[in-house]
């Protein structure tokens, strides 16, 4: 994978600071400064299951690729115009669209503030 990093924290979010070679937002991380502009996609369901998952949890969200319509998680490229559609475990179809979020100077993305507390959603996931 190139210089792209996609993180999931109840959502998918990627830094939106510079564009190179494609429409994919790319930011080279360093020890200085913070990222204050993000592209956010979510929230995604994280249903409880009866069977223990490999990480010891009983949540299915970490093991569900909600980005199949974008070529799967490792191949997904997000931009402000990205929209996805997926069907959850209860056969309900969801449509999500990316949106831009600008943080305060500290760079912390507060998803509870953006989406008004979302219980039972995927909390952290990284690629």
Protein backbone atom coordinates (compact mmCIF):
# COMPACT_ATOMS: atom_id res chain seq x y z
CA UNK A 1 0.00 0.00 0.00
CA UNK A 2 1.25 3.53 -0.71
CA UNK A 3 1.20 6.47 1.70
CA UNK A 4 -2.52 6.04 2.38
CA UNK A 5 -3.82 5.17 5.83
CA UNK A 6 -7.46 4.42 6.49
CA UNK A 7 -8.67 4.20 10.08
CA UNK A 8 -12.03 3.19 11.41
CA UNK A 9 -13.19 4.75 14.63
CA UNK A 10 -16.90 4.14 14.57
CA UNK A 11 -16.49 5.42 11.03
CA UNK A 12 -13.95 5.48 8.29
CA UNK A 13 -11.92 8.62 8.21
CA UNK A 14 -8.92 9.73 6.18
CA UNK A 15 -6.88 12.91 6.27
CA UNK A 16 -7.87 15.50 3.69
CA UNK A 17 -4.76 17.63 3.30
CA UNK A 18 -3.20 17.06 -0.08
CA UNK A 19 -3.99 15.14 -3.24
CA UNK A 20 -1.47 13.09 -5.22
CA UNK A 21 -1.77 10.85 -8.28
CA UNK A 22 -5.48 10.22 -7.71
CA UNK A 23 -8.51 11.57 -5.95
CA UNK A 24 -7.39 9.83 -2.77
CA UNK A 25 -6.54 12.17 0.13
CA UNK A 26 -2.99 11.55 1.31
CA UNK A 27 -1.04 13.01 4.20
CA UNK A 28 2.41 11.86 5.25
CA UNK A 29 2.42 11.60 9.02
CA UNK A 30 5.32 13.06 10.95
CA UNK A 31 6.12 13.73 14.57
CA UNK A 32 5.02 17.33 14.29
CA UNK A 33 1.62 18.87 13.85
CA UNK A 34 -1.85 17.38 13.78
CA UNK A 35 -4.35 16.51 11.08
CA UNK A 36 -7.36 18.78 11.30
CA UNK A 37 -9.22 18.03 8.04
CA UNK A 38 -10.84 14.61 7.63
CA UNK A 39 -13.11 12.69 5.27
CA UNK A 40 -15.54 10.66 7.42
CA UNK A 41 -17.73 7.71 6.38
CA UNK A 42 -20.06 5.99 8.83
CA UNK A 43 -21.36 4.88 11.21
CA UNK A 44 -21.27 1.15 10.53
CA UNK A 45 -23.20 -1.49 12.49
CA UNK A 46 -21.36 -3.64 15.00
CA UNK A 47 -23.93 -6.28 16.00
CA UNK A 48 -23.43 -8.63 18.91
CA UNK A 49 -23.03 -12.33 18.12
CA UNK A 50 -23.32 -15.42 20.32
CA UNK A 51 -20.04 -16.96 19.15
CA UNK A 52 -16.73 -15.56 20.37
CA UNK A 53 -14.74 -13.89 17.56
CA UNK A 54 -10.96 -14.43 17.09
CA UNK A 55 -10.14 -11.27 19.09
CA UNK A 56 -12.22 -12.46 22.06
CA UNK A 57 -15.08 -10.04 21.39
CA UNK A 58 -18.67 -10.86 20.61
CA UNK A 59 -19.05 -8.10 17.99
CA UNK A 60 -19.26 -8.77 14.25
CA UNK A 61 -18.25 -5.30 12.98
CA UNK A 62 -14.51 -5.96 12.95
CA UNK A 63 -15.06 -8.99 10.73
CA UNK A 64 -17.44 -7.43 8.20
CA UNK A 65 -16.12 -5.63 5.12
CA UNK A 66 -18.63 -2.84 4.62
CA UNK A 67 -16.53 -1.45 1.75
CA UNK A 68 -17.03 -4.32 -0.71
CA UNK A 69 -18.70 -1.92 -3.18
CA UNK A 70 -15.39 0.02 -3.29
CA UNK A 71 -13.30 -3.08 -3.96
CA UNK A 72 -12.94 -4.16 -0.31
CA UNK A 73 -11.22 -2.43 2.62
CA UNK A 74 -7.59 -2.70 1.44
CA UNK A 75 -8.44 -1.34 -2.02
CA UNK A 76 -10.94 1.35 -0.99
CA UNK A 77 -10.22 4.96 -1.86
CA UNK A 78 -12.35 7.59 -0.16
CA UNK A 79 -13.09 11.15 -1.22
CA UNK A 80 -15.75 13.72 -0.41
CA UNK A 81 -17.88 12.29 -3.25
CA UNK A 82 -17.66 8.65 -2.08
CA UNK A 83 -20.98 6.92 -1.42
CA UNK A 84 -21.50 3.30 -0.45
CA UNK A 85 -24.40 0.94 -0.10
CA UNK A 86 -24.44 -2.27 1.95
CA UNK A 87 -26.92 -4.69 3.45
CA UNK A 88 -26.54 -5.52 7.12
CA UNK A 89 -27.06 -8.85 8.89
CA UNK A 90 -30.79 -8.08 9.28
CA UNK A 91 -31.10 -7.57 5.50
CA UNK A 92 -31.56 -3.79 5.88
CA UNK A 93 -29.91 -1.73 3.13
CA UNK A 94 -27.88 1.28 4.26
CA UNK A 95 -26.55 4.13 2.15
CA UNK A 96 -23.70 6.24 3.50
CA UNK A 97 -21.88 9.24 2.04
CA UNK A 98 -18.52 10.71 3.03
CA UNK A 99 -18.43 14.12 4.55
CA UNK A 100 -15.69 16.56 5.38
CA UNK A 101 -14.96 17.36 9.02
CA UNK A 102 -12.59 20.02 10.34
CA UNK A 103 -11.42 19.62 13.93
CA UNK A 104 -10.24 22.26 16.34
CA UNK A 105 -6.48 22.86 16.48
CA UNK A 106 -5.81 19.73 18.59
CA UNK A 107 -6.98 17.43 15.73
CA UNK A 108 -9.28 15.22 17.82
CA UNK A 109 -12.34 13.89 15.98
CA UNK A 110 -15.24 13.57 18.43
CA UNK A 111 -17.73 11.21 16.79
CA UNK A 112 -20.19 11.52 19.67
CA UNK A 113 -20.41 15.24 18.91
CA UNK A 114 -20.73 14.73 15.15
CA UNK A 115 -23.25 11.88 15.22
CA UNK A 116 -24.82 12.28 18.70
CA UNK A 117 -23.57 9.10 20.43
CA UNK A 118 -24.00 5.94 18.41
CA UNK A 119 -24.26 2.81 20.58
CA UNK A 120 -23.46 -0.56 19.05
CA UNK A 121 -21.27 0.75 16.26
CA UNK A 122 -17.77 -0.20 15.28
CA UNK A 123 -15.41 1.52 17.70
CA UNK A 124 -11.94 1.07 16.22
CA UNK A 125 -10.58 -0.60 13.16
CA UNK A 126 -7.43 0.00 11.18
CA UNK A 127 -6.06 -1.13 7.87
